[in-house]
N, C-alpha and C. Protein backbone atom coordinates (compact mmCIF):
# COMPACT_ATOMS: atom_id res chain seq x y z
N UNK A 1 51.85 102.57 147.61
CA UNK A 1 50.62 102.20 146.91
C UNK A 1 49.65 101.56 147.91
N UNK A 2 48.39 101.96 147.82
CA UNK A 2 47.34 101.47 148.71
C UNK A 2 46.47 100.50 147.94
N UNK A 3 46.28 99.31 148.47
CA UNK A 3 45.49 98.29 147.77
C UNK A 3 44.57 97.57 148.74
N UNK A 4 43.51 96.95 148.18
CA UNK A 4 42.66 96.03 148.95
C UNK A 4 43.46 94.74 149.15
N UNK A 5 43.43 94.21 150.36
CA UNK A 5 44.29 93.08 150.71
C UNK A 5 43.68 91.74 150.28
N UNK A 6 42.38 91.55 150.50
CA UNK A 6 41.79 90.23 150.25
C UNK A 6 40.33 90.36 149.86
N UNK A 7 39.76 89.23 149.42
CA UNK A 7 38.35 89.22 149.04
C UNK A 7 38.16 89.46 147.55
N UNK A 8 36.94 89.81 147.17
CA UNK A 8 36.63 89.91 145.74
C UNK A 8 37.32 91.08 145.05
N UNK A 9 37.78 92.08 145.81
CA UNK A 9 38.52 93.21 145.22
C UNK A 9 40.02 93.12 145.47
N UNK A 10 40.48 91.95 145.85
CA UNK A 10 41.90 91.78 146.21
C UNK A 10 42.84 92.36 145.14
N UNK A 11 43.80 93.15 145.62
CA UNK A 11 44.80 93.72 144.72
C UNK A 11 44.39 95.01 144.04
N UNK A 12 43.13 95.40 144.16
CA UNK A 12 42.69 96.64 143.51
C UNK A 12 43.29 97.84 144.24
N UNK A 13 43.77 98.80 143.46
CA UNK A 13 44.40 99.98 144.03
C UNK A 13 43.35 100.97 144.54
N UNK A 14 43.71 101.66 145.60
CA UNK A 14 42.87 102.72 146.15
C UNK A 14 43.61 104.05 146.03
N UNK A 15 42.87 105.08 145.71
CA UNK A 15 43.45 106.42 145.66
C UNK A 15 43.55 106.99 147.07
N UNK A 16 44.59 107.77 147.30
CA UNK A 16 44.74 108.49 148.56
C UNK A 16 45.16 109.91 148.23
N UNK A 17 44.60 110.90 148.91
CA UNK A 17 45.00 112.29 148.65
C UNK A 17 46.44 112.53 149.06
N UNK A 18 47.10 113.45 148.38
CA UNK A 18 48.47 113.79 148.74
C UNK A 18 48.50 114.59 150.03
N UNK A 19 49.66 114.57 150.69
CA UNK A 19 49.81 115.33 151.92
C UNK A 19 49.62 114.45 153.15
N UNK A 20 49.72 115.08 154.30
CA UNK A 20 49.70 114.34 155.57
C UNK A 20 48.36 114.40 156.28
N UNK A 21 47.36 115.05 155.65
CA UNK A 21 46.06 115.18 156.32
C UNK A 21 45.38 113.83 156.51
N UNK A 22 45.44 113.00 155.47
CA UNK A 22 44.84 111.67 155.53
C UNK A 22 45.93 110.63 155.76
N UNK A 23 45.69 109.72 156.71
CA UNK A 23 46.67 108.69 157.07
C UNK A 23 46.00 107.33 156.90
N UNK A 24 46.02 106.78 155.66
CA UNK A 24 45.34 105.50 155.45
C UNK A 24 45.98 104.39 156.28
N UNK A 25 45.13 103.48 156.76
CA UNK A 25 45.64 102.33 157.50
C UNK A 25 46.45 101.46 156.55
N UNK A 26 47.70 101.18 156.92
CA UNK A 26 48.62 100.43 156.05
C UNK A 26 48.06 99.04 155.75
N UNK A 27 48.47 98.51 154.58
CA UNK A 27 47.99 97.19 154.16
C UNK A 27 48.30 96.12 155.20
N UNK A 28 49.51 96.13 155.74
CA UNK A 28 49.89 95.08 156.68
C UNK A 28 49.07 95.17 157.96
N UNK A 29 48.69 96.40 158.35
CA UNK A 29 47.87 96.58 159.54
C UNK A 29 46.45 96.10 159.27
N UNK A 30 45.92 96.43 158.08
CA UNK A 30 44.58 95.94 157.72
C UNK A 30 44.57 94.42 157.65
N UNK A 31 45.63 93.84 157.06
CA UNK A 31 45.73 92.39 156.98
C UNK A 31 45.71 91.78 158.37
N UNK A 32 46.53 92.34 159.27
CA UNK A 32 46.60 91.82 160.65
C UNK A 32 45.25 91.97 161.35
N UNK A 33 44.59 93.11 161.15
CA UNK A 33 43.30 93.35 161.78
C UNK A 33 42.25 92.34 161.31
N UNK A 34 42.11 92.18 160.00
CA UNK A 34 41.08 91.29 159.49
C UNK A 34 41.41 89.82 159.77
N UNK A 35 42.70 89.48 159.80
CA UNK A 35 43.07 88.11 160.22
C UNK A 35 42.63 87.87 161.65
N UNK A 36 42.84 88.88 162.51
CA UNK A 36 42.44 88.75 163.91
C UNK A 36 40.92 88.59 164.02
N UNK A 37 40.17 89.43 163.30
CA UNK A 37 38.72 89.33 163.34
C UNK A 37 38.25 87.96 162.83
N UNK A 38 38.88 87.51 161.76
CA UNK A 38 38.48 86.26 161.11
C UNK A 38 38.64 85.06 162.03
N UNK A 39 39.73 85.07 162.84
CA UNK A 39 40.10 83.86 163.59
C UNK A 39 39.86 83.96 165.09
N UNK A 40 39.52 85.13 165.60
CA UNK A 40 39.35 85.28 167.04
C UNK A 40 38.10 84.55 167.53
N UNK A 41 38.17 83.93 168.71
CA UNK A 41 36.99 83.24 169.24
C UNK A 41 35.83 84.19 169.54
N UNK A 42 36.12 85.48 169.74
CA UNK A 42 35.08 86.46 170.03
C UNK A 42 34.54 87.14 168.76
N UNK A 43 35.03 86.72 167.58
CA UNK A 43 34.55 87.32 166.33
C UNK A 43 34.25 86.21 165.32
N UNK A 44 35.16 85.94 164.39
CA UNK A 44 34.93 84.92 163.37
C UNK A 44 34.46 85.55 162.07
N UNK A 45 34.38 84.73 161.03
CA UNK A 45 34.00 85.23 159.69
C UNK A 45 32.68 85.98 159.72
N UNK A 46 31.76 85.52 160.57
CA UNK A 46 30.43 86.16 160.61
C UNK A 46 30.49 87.58 161.16
N UNK A 47 31.60 87.96 161.78
CA UNK A 47 31.75 89.35 162.24
C UNK A 47 31.91 90.30 161.06
N UNK A 48 32.38 89.77 159.92
CA UNK A 48 32.59 90.59 158.72
C UNK A 48 31.56 90.25 157.64
N UNK A 49 31.42 88.97 157.34
CA UNK A 49 30.51 88.55 156.28
C UNK A 49 29.07 88.86 156.69
N UNK A 50 28.39 89.60 155.86
CA UNK A 50 27.01 89.97 156.13
C UNK A 50 26.85 91.16 157.06
N UNK A 51 27.96 91.75 157.49
CA UNK A 51 27.88 92.85 158.46
C UNK A 51 27.46 94.16 157.81
N UNK A 52 26.81 94.99 158.62
CA UNK A 52 26.58 96.38 158.28
C UNK A 52 27.69 97.17 158.98
N UNK A 53 28.47 97.92 158.19
CA UNK A 53 29.72 98.51 158.66
C UNK A 53 29.63 100.02 158.67
N UNK A 54 30.26 100.62 159.68
CA UNK A 54 30.47 102.07 159.69
C UNK A 54 31.97 102.32 159.71
N UNK A 55 32.44 103.13 158.76
CA UNK A 55 33.83 103.56 158.70
C UNK A 55 33.84 105.06 159.01
N UNK A 56 34.07 105.40 160.29
CA UNK A 56 34.09 106.79 160.71
C UNK A 56 35.51 107.34 160.58
N UNK A 57 35.64 108.64 160.33
CA UNK A 57 36.94 109.23 159.99
C UNK A 57 37.51 108.42 158.83
N UNK A 58 36.71 108.24 157.78
CA UNK A 58 36.96 107.21 156.78
C UNK A 58 38.19 107.45 155.92
N UNK A 59 38.57 108.70 155.68
CA UNK A 59 39.70 108.94 154.79
C UNK A 59 39.44 108.35 153.42
N UNK A 60 40.31 107.47 152.97
CA UNK A 60 40.17 106.84 151.65
C UNK A 60 39.09 105.77 151.63
N UNK A 61 38.61 105.38 152.81
CA UNK A 61 37.62 104.30 152.89
C UNK A 61 38.23 102.92 152.91
N UNK A 62 39.55 102.83 153.14
CA UNK A 62 40.24 101.55 153.04
C UNK A 62 39.66 100.48 153.96
N UNK A 63 39.30 100.85 155.19
CA UNK A 63 38.78 99.84 156.12
C UNK A 63 37.39 99.35 155.72
N UNK A 64 36.49 100.29 155.42
CA UNK A 64 35.15 99.89 155.01
C UNK A 64 35.14 99.14 153.70
N UNK A 65 35.97 99.57 152.74
CA UNK A 65 36.03 98.88 151.44
C UNK A 65 36.66 97.50 151.58
N UNK A 66 37.63 97.37 152.48
CA UNK A 66 38.21 96.05 152.76
C UNK A 66 37.13 95.13 153.32
N UNK A 67 36.29 95.66 154.22
CA UNK A 67 35.21 94.85 154.78
C UNK A 67 34.22 94.42 153.70
N UNK A 68 33.87 95.34 152.80
CA UNK A 68 32.96 94.98 151.69
C UNK A 68 33.59 93.92 150.80
N UNK A 69 34.87 94.06 150.52
CA UNK A 69 35.56 93.07 149.70
C UNK A 69 35.50 91.68 150.33
N UNK A 70 35.49 91.66 151.66
CA UNK A 70 35.50 90.39 152.39
C UNK A 70 34.10 89.91 152.77
N UNK A 71 33.06 90.54 152.25
CA UNK A 71 31.73 89.99 152.43
C UNK A 71 30.75 90.79 153.25
N UNK A 72 31.15 91.96 153.75
CA UNK A 72 30.17 92.83 154.43
C UNK A 72 29.11 93.24 153.41
N UNK A 73 27.88 93.47 153.87
CA UNK A 73 26.79 93.76 152.94
C UNK A 73 26.58 95.25 152.67
N UNK A 74 26.98 96.11 153.63
CA UNK A 74 26.73 97.54 153.46
C UNK A 74 27.74 98.31 154.30
N UNK A 75 28.21 99.44 153.77
CA UNK A 75 29.16 100.27 154.52
C UNK A 75 28.78 101.74 154.39
N UNK A 76 28.78 102.42 155.53
CA UNK A 76 28.59 103.87 155.56
C UNK A 76 29.93 104.50 155.94
N UNK A 77 30.26 105.58 155.25
CA UNK A 77 31.53 106.27 155.48
C UNK A 77 31.24 107.70 155.93
N UNK A 78 31.90 108.12 157.00
CA UNK A 78 31.80 109.51 157.47
C UNK A 78 33.17 110.15 157.36
N UNK A 79 33.26 111.26 156.64
CA UNK A 79 34.53 111.95 156.43
C UNK A 79 34.25 113.42 156.18
N UNK A 80 35.11 114.32 156.67
CA UNK A 80 34.88 115.74 156.48
C UNK A 80 35.92 116.43 155.60
N UNK A 81 37.09 115.82 155.39
CA UNK A 81 38.12 116.44 154.56
C UNK A 81 37.74 116.34 153.08
N UNK A 82 37.78 117.46 152.37
CA UNK A 82 37.32 117.46 150.97
C UNK A 82 38.16 116.58 150.07
N UNK A 83 39.49 116.63 150.23
CA UNK A 83 40.35 115.80 149.38
C UNK A 83 40.12 114.32 149.65
N UNK A 84 39.97 113.98 150.93
CA UNK A 84 39.71 112.59 151.28
C UNK A 84 38.36 112.13 150.75
N UNK A 85 37.35 113.00 150.84
CA UNK A 85 36.03 112.66 150.30
C UNK A 85 36.08 112.38 148.81
N UNK A 86 36.84 113.20 148.08
CA UNK A 86 36.96 113.00 146.64
C UNK A 86 37.61 111.65 146.34
N UNK A 87 38.67 111.32 147.07
CA UNK A 87 39.34 110.03 146.87
C UNK A 87 38.42 108.88 147.26
N UNK A 88 37.70 109.04 148.37
CA UNK A 88 36.77 108.01 148.83
C UNK A 88 35.71 107.72 147.78
N UNK A 89 35.10 108.77 147.25
CA UNK A 89 34.05 108.57 146.25
C UNK A 89 34.60 107.91 144.98
N UNK A 90 35.80 108.29 144.58
CA UNK A 90 36.41 107.66 143.41
C UNK A 90 36.74 106.19 143.67
N UNK A 91 37.17 105.88 144.88
CA UNK A 91 37.45 104.48 145.23
C UNK A 91 36.18 103.63 145.19
N UNK A 92 35.10 104.17 145.74
CA UNK A 92 33.82 103.45 145.72
C UNK A 92 33.37 103.22 144.27
N UNK A 93 33.51 104.26 143.45
CA UNK A 93 33.10 104.16 142.05
C UNK A 93 33.97 103.14 141.30
N UNK A 94 35.27 103.18 141.54
CA UNK A 94 36.18 102.27 140.84
C UNK A 94 35.87 100.81 141.18
N UNK A 95 35.44 100.57 142.41
CA UNK A 95 35.10 99.20 142.83
C UNK A 95 33.63 98.85 142.55
N UNK A 96 32.90 99.83 142.01
CA UNK A 96 31.46 99.66 141.70
C UNK A 96 30.66 99.23 142.92
N UNK A 97 30.97 99.87 144.04
CA UNK A 97 30.28 99.54 145.29
C UNK A 97 29.23 100.57 145.67
N UNK A 98 28.82 101.42 144.72
CA UNK A 98 27.82 102.46 145.04
C UNK A 98 26.55 101.89 145.65
N UNK A 99 26.00 100.76 145.16
CA UNK A 99 24.74 100.26 145.75
C UNK A 99 24.88 99.81 147.20
N UNK A 100 26.09 99.49 147.63
CA UNK A 100 26.29 98.96 148.98
C UNK A 100 26.93 99.98 149.92
N UNK A 101 26.92 101.25 149.52
CA UNK A 101 27.62 102.26 150.32
C UNK A 101 26.81 103.55 150.44
N UNK A 102 27.14 104.30 151.49
CA UNK A 102 26.64 105.65 151.67
C UNK A 102 27.79 106.50 152.21
N UNK A 103 27.99 107.67 151.62
CA UNK A 103 29.03 108.59 152.07
C UNK A 103 28.36 109.78 152.74
N UNK A 104 28.75 110.05 153.98
CA UNK A 104 28.22 111.19 154.72
C UNK A 104 29.35 112.21 154.92
N UNK A 105 29.28 113.34 154.22
CA UNK A 105 30.29 114.37 154.45
C UNK A 105 30.01 115.04 155.80
N UNK A 106 30.95 114.96 156.71
CA UNK A 106 30.72 115.57 158.01
C UNK A 106 31.62 115.03 159.08
N UNK A 107 31.36 115.47 160.29
CA UNK A 107 32.17 115.20 161.46
C UNK A 107 31.60 113.99 162.20
N UNK A 108 32.43 112.98 162.43
CA UNK A 108 31.96 111.77 163.11
C UNK A 108 31.61 112.01 164.57
N UNK A 109 32.02 113.16 165.13
CA UNK A 109 31.61 113.48 166.50
C UNK A 109 30.25 114.17 166.52
N UNK A 110 29.70 114.47 165.34
CA UNK A 110 28.35 115.05 165.23
C UNK A 110 27.60 114.37 164.07
N UNK A 111 27.39 113.06 164.16
CA UNK A 111 26.78 112.34 163.04
C UNK A 111 25.27 112.54 162.99
N UNK A 112 24.67 112.32 161.81
CA UNK A 112 23.21 112.30 161.74
C UNK A 112 22.69 111.01 162.36
N UNK A 113 21.37 110.90 162.51
CA UNK A 113 20.77 109.66 163.00
C UNK A 113 21.06 108.54 162.01
N UNK A 114 21.28 107.36 162.54
CA UNK A 114 21.56 106.20 161.69
C UNK A 114 20.28 105.69 161.03
N UNK A 115 20.44 105.19 159.81
CA UNK A 115 19.32 104.50 159.15
C UNK A 115 19.10 103.14 159.80
N UNK A 116 20.20 102.52 160.23
CA UNK A 116 20.15 101.21 160.91
C UNK A 116 21.44 101.07 161.70
N UNK A 117 21.40 100.36 162.83
CA UNK A 117 22.62 100.18 163.62
C UNK A 117 23.63 99.29 162.89
N UNK A 118 24.90 99.48 163.20
CA UNK A 118 25.99 98.73 162.57
C UNK A 118 26.58 97.74 163.57
N UNK A 119 26.95 96.57 163.06
CA UNK A 119 27.54 95.54 163.92
C UNK A 119 29.06 95.58 163.93
N UNK A 120 29.66 96.33 162.99
CA UNK A 120 31.11 96.46 162.92
C UNK A 120 31.43 97.92 162.63
N UNK A 121 32.19 98.55 163.52
CA UNK A 121 32.51 99.97 163.38
C UNK A 121 34.01 100.17 163.42
N UNK A 122 34.52 100.99 162.50
CA UNK A 122 35.92 101.36 162.46
C UNK A 122 36.05 102.84 162.79
N UNK A 123 36.89 103.18 163.75
CA UNK A 123 37.15 104.58 164.10
C UNK A 123 38.66 104.80 164.00
N UNK A 124 39.07 105.59 163.03
CA UNK A 124 40.49 105.84 162.79
C UNK A 124 40.73 107.34 162.71
N UNK A 125 40.57 108.06 163.85
CA UNK A 125 40.69 109.52 163.82
C UNK A 125 42.15 109.97 163.91
N UNK A 126 42.40 111.27 163.73
CA UNK A 126 43.74 111.79 164.03
C UNK A 126 44.11 111.45 165.47
N UNK A 127 45.37 111.12 165.66
CA UNK A 127 45.82 110.69 166.99
C UNK A 127 45.85 111.86 167.98
N UNK A 128 45.82 111.49 169.25
CA UNK A 128 46.09 112.39 170.38
C UNK A 128 45.11 113.56 170.50
N UNK A 129 43.88 113.35 170.04
CA UNK A 129 42.87 114.41 170.18
C UNK A 129 41.64 113.91 170.95
N UNK A 130 41.74 112.71 171.53
CA UNK A 130 40.66 112.13 172.32
C UNK A 130 39.35 112.03 171.53
N UNK A 131 39.47 111.72 170.23
CA UNK A 131 38.30 111.71 169.37
C UNK A 131 37.49 110.42 169.45
N UNK A 132 38.12 109.30 169.80
CA UNK A 132 37.36 108.05 169.84
C UNK A 132 36.24 108.09 170.87
N UNK A 133 36.51 108.49 172.14
CA UNK A 133 35.39 108.55 173.10
C UNK A 133 34.30 109.53 172.68
N UNK A 134 34.68 110.68 172.15
CA UNK A 134 33.69 111.67 171.73
C UNK A 134 32.84 111.15 170.57
N UNK A 135 33.51 110.57 169.58
CA UNK A 135 32.77 110.05 168.42
C UNK A 135 31.89 108.87 168.81
N UNK A 136 32.41 107.97 169.64
CA UNK A 136 31.63 106.79 170.01
C UNK A 136 30.39 107.17 170.83
N UNK A 137 30.54 108.18 171.68
CA UNK A 137 29.38 108.67 172.43
C UNK A 137 28.31 109.21 171.49
N UNK A 138 28.74 110.02 170.51
CA UNK A 138 27.79 110.61 169.56
C UNK A 138 27.17 109.54 168.66
N UNK A 139 27.98 108.58 168.24
CA UNK A 139 27.48 107.51 167.36
C UNK A 139 26.48 106.62 168.11
N UNK A 140 26.78 106.31 169.37
CA UNK A 140 25.84 105.50 170.16
C UNK A 140 24.53 106.24 170.35
N UNK A 141 24.62 107.54 170.65
CA UNK A 141 23.41 108.34 170.85
C UNK A 141 22.61 108.45 169.55
N UNK A 142 23.31 108.38 168.42
CA UNK A 142 22.64 108.50 167.12
C UNK A 142 22.13 107.19 166.55
N UNK A 143 22.29 106.11 167.31
CA UNK A 143 21.74 104.83 166.87
C UNK A 143 22.63 104.03 165.93
N UNK A 144 23.91 104.39 165.85
CA UNK A 144 24.83 103.70 164.93
C UNK A 144 25.37 102.39 165.50
N UNK A 145 25.39 102.26 166.83
CA UNK A 145 26.07 101.13 167.46
C UNK A 145 25.06 100.05 167.84
N UNK A 146 25.10 98.92 167.15
CA UNK A 146 24.21 97.81 167.48
C UNK A 146 24.60 97.21 168.83
N UNK A 147 23.65 96.66 169.58
CA UNK A 147 24.00 95.97 170.83
C UNK A 147 25.04 94.88 170.56
N UNK A 148 26.12 94.88 171.33
CA UNK A 148 27.16 93.87 171.18
C UNK A 148 28.04 94.06 169.95
N UNK A 149 27.97 95.22 169.30
CA UNK A 149 28.78 95.47 168.10
C UNK A 149 30.27 95.40 168.41
N UNK A 150 31.05 95.07 167.38
CA UNK A 150 32.50 95.16 167.47
C UNK A 150 32.94 96.55 167.03
N UNK A 151 33.78 97.18 167.83
CA UNK A 151 34.30 98.51 167.52
C UNK A 151 35.82 98.39 167.43
N UNK A 152 36.38 98.78 166.28
CA UNK A 152 37.82 98.76 166.09
C UNK A 152 38.30 100.20 166.07
N UNK A 153 39.13 100.57 167.04
CA UNK A 153 39.66 101.93 167.13
C UNK A 153 41.15 101.89 166.87
N UNK A 154 41.61 102.78 165.99
CA UNK A 154 43.05 102.95 165.77
C UNK A 154 43.46 104.25 166.44
N UNK A 155 44.34 104.16 167.40
CA UNK A 155 44.77 105.32 168.18
C UNK A 155 46.29 105.36 168.22
N UNK A 156 46.83 106.46 168.73
CA UNK A 156 48.26 106.54 168.92
C UNK A 156 48.72 105.51 169.94
N UNK A 157 49.95 105.09 169.80
CA UNK A 157 50.48 104.01 170.64
C UNK A 157 50.34 104.29 172.13
N UNK A 158 50.50 105.54 172.54
CA UNK A 158 50.47 105.88 173.96
C UNK A 158 49.13 106.46 174.43
N UNK A 159 48.14 106.51 173.53
CA UNK A 159 46.83 107.05 173.92
C UNK A 159 46.10 106.08 174.84
N UNK A 160 45.36 106.63 175.79
CA UNK A 160 44.52 105.80 176.64
C UNK A 160 43.07 105.93 176.18
N UNK A 161 42.32 104.87 176.35
CA UNK A 161 40.90 104.86 175.99
C UNK A 161 40.09 104.53 177.23
N UNK A 162 39.23 105.45 177.62
CA UNK A 162 38.35 105.21 178.76
C UNK A 162 36.93 105.18 178.24
N UNK A 163 36.40 103.98 178.08
CA UNK A 163 35.07 103.81 177.49
C UNK A 163 34.23 102.90 178.38
N UNK A 164 33.63 103.45 179.42
CA UNK A 164 32.82 102.64 180.33
C UNK A 164 31.72 101.88 179.59
N UNK A 165 31.56 100.62 179.94
CA UNK A 165 30.54 99.78 179.31
C UNK A 165 31.06 98.99 178.13
N UNK A 166 32.17 99.44 177.54
CA UNK A 166 32.77 98.73 176.41
C UNK A 166 33.88 97.83 176.94
N UNK A 167 33.90 96.58 176.51
CA UNK A 167 34.94 95.67 176.96
C UNK A 167 36.02 95.54 175.90
N UNK A 168 37.29 95.58 176.32
CA UNK A 168 38.42 95.44 175.40
C UNK A 168 38.64 93.96 175.12
N UNK A 169 38.60 93.61 173.84
CA UNK A 169 38.78 92.22 173.43
C UNK A 169 40.21 91.93 173.00
N UNK A 170 40.86 92.93 172.41
CA UNK A 170 42.23 92.73 171.92
C UNK A 170 42.89 94.07 171.70
N UNK A 171 44.22 94.09 171.82
CA UNK A 171 45.02 95.27 171.50
C UNK A 171 46.27 94.81 170.77
N UNK A 172 46.64 95.53 169.71
CA UNK A 172 47.85 95.21 168.95
C UNK A 172 48.55 96.51 168.60
N UNK A 173 49.86 96.55 168.76
CA UNK A 173 50.65 97.72 168.40
C UNK A 173 51.28 97.52 167.04
N UNK A 174 51.24 98.57 166.22
CA UNK A 174 51.86 98.57 164.89
C UNK A 174 52.54 99.91 164.71
N UNK A 175 53.86 99.95 164.87
CA UNK A 175 54.64 101.19 164.78
C UNK A 175 54.07 102.22 165.75
N UNK A 176 53.63 103.37 165.21
CA UNK A 176 53.11 104.44 166.08
C UNK A 176 51.65 104.25 166.44
N UNK A 177 51.03 103.22 165.87
CA UNK A 177 49.58 103.02 166.05
C UNK A 177 49.30 101.86 166.99
N UNK A 178 48.11 101.90 167.59
CA UNK A 178 47.60 100.81 168.40
C UNK A 178 46.18 100.52 167.97
N UNK A 179 45.90 99.28 167.64
CA UNK A 179 44.54 98.84 167.32
C UNK A 179 43.91 98.29 168.59
N UNK A 180 42.73 98.79 168.90
CA UNK A 180 41.98 98.32 170.07
C UNK A 180 40.63 97.82 169.58
N UNK A 181 40.32 96.56 169.87
CA UNK A 181 39.03 95.99 169.48
C UNK A 181 38.17 95.92 170.73
N UNK A 182 36.97 96.49 170.63
CA UNK A 182 36.06 96.59 171.77
C UNK A 182 34.72 95.94 171.44
N UNK A 183 34.04 95.49 172.48
CA UNK A 183 32.67 94.98 172.33
C UNK A 183 31.74 96.00 172.96
N UNK A 184 30.75 96.45 172.19
CA UNK A 184 29.76 97.39 172.72
C UNK A 184 28.86 96.68 173.72
N UNK A 185 28.25 97.46 174.63
CA UNK A 185 27.33 96.85 175.59
C UNK A 185 26.19 96.12 174.86
N UNK A 186 25.68 95.10 175.48
CA UNK A 186 24.54 94.38 174.91
C UNK A 186 23.24 95.03 175.35
N UNK A 187 22.19 94.79 174.61
CA UNK A 187 20.86 95.27 174.99
C UNK A 187 20.73 96.78 174.98
N UNK A 188 19.85 97.28 175.84
CA UNK A 188 19.56 98.71 175.85
C UNK A 188 20.75 99.56 176.24
N UNK A 189 21.75 98.96 176.91
CA UNK A 189 22.91 99.74 177.34
C UNK A 189 23.68 100.29 176.15
N UNK A 190 23.56 99.66 174.97
CA UNK A 190 24.30 100.12 173.79
C UNK A 190 23.79 101.49 173.34
N UNK A 191 22.57 101.81 173.68
CA UNK A 191 22.01 103.08 173.25
C UNK A 191 22.51 104.23 174.13
N UNK A 192 23.04 103.89 175.30
CA UNK A 192 23.53 104.93 176.20
C UNK A 192 24.96 105.28 175.85
N UNK A 193 25.26 106.54 175.55
CA UNK A 193 26.61 106.89 175.16
C UNK A 193 27.59 106.73 176.32
N UNK A 194 28.84 106.26 176.00
CA UNK A 194 29.82 106.16 177.06
C UNK A 194 30.25 107.55 177.53
N UNK A 195 30.71 107.64 178.76
CA UNK A 195 31.19 108.91 179.27
C UNK A 195 32.50 109.29 178.61
N UNK A 196 32.61 110.46 177.99
CA UNK A 196 33.86 110.83 177.33
C UNK A 196 34.98 111.01 178.34
C-alpha cells in the first residue's frame, strides 16, 4: 500500500498502476528523504514549505504530492506512461490538489518551457539508462531549474552521476536505490545545461 507519510494528507492512500513499469518511491525512502531535507543545514523546512516543485518521471506523483502535503505551494508532474498518468491524475483529484498542480504528459528529457523555475526538483527515472543527466540538461535549458535549486535524484545503487556545475550535498543508499541530493549552480550558470 502506498500512502502519504506526513503533512496535511498524512496517511492518505495513493493509487499505483499494476505491473513493474512504475516503481513508486517507498514510504520509508520518502520519509528518510524528507527528514533529511527538513533537518539538513543545507536545506531546512524552507526547502519544502513554500517551494515550487517539479516531479519529473513522476509515476504516481508520490514525491510531488508528499511535498505538497508538507507545505510546498505548487507542483508540476511530468510523466509519459499512460497507466501512471491515470493513477497520478486520480491521486491529485483524491487529494483535491488540482489548483496547486499541473500534469504534463510527456518525456522529461524533452520538456516544454517552464512557466516558472522550480526550487525543488525530483528526478526518479528508470535505473541504468543515464536519464538523470539528460533530463537535467533539458530541464535546465527549458528554464525549470532555479538558481541554487535542490535536485533530488533517485538512481540505481551502482550508477554514477556526472553533472558538472552541480554540487553533491548528500547521498543515501536504500536497497537497490541511491538518493543523491544536488545543489544547482547559482546565478546565470543554472541556465546552462550540464554536460551529459
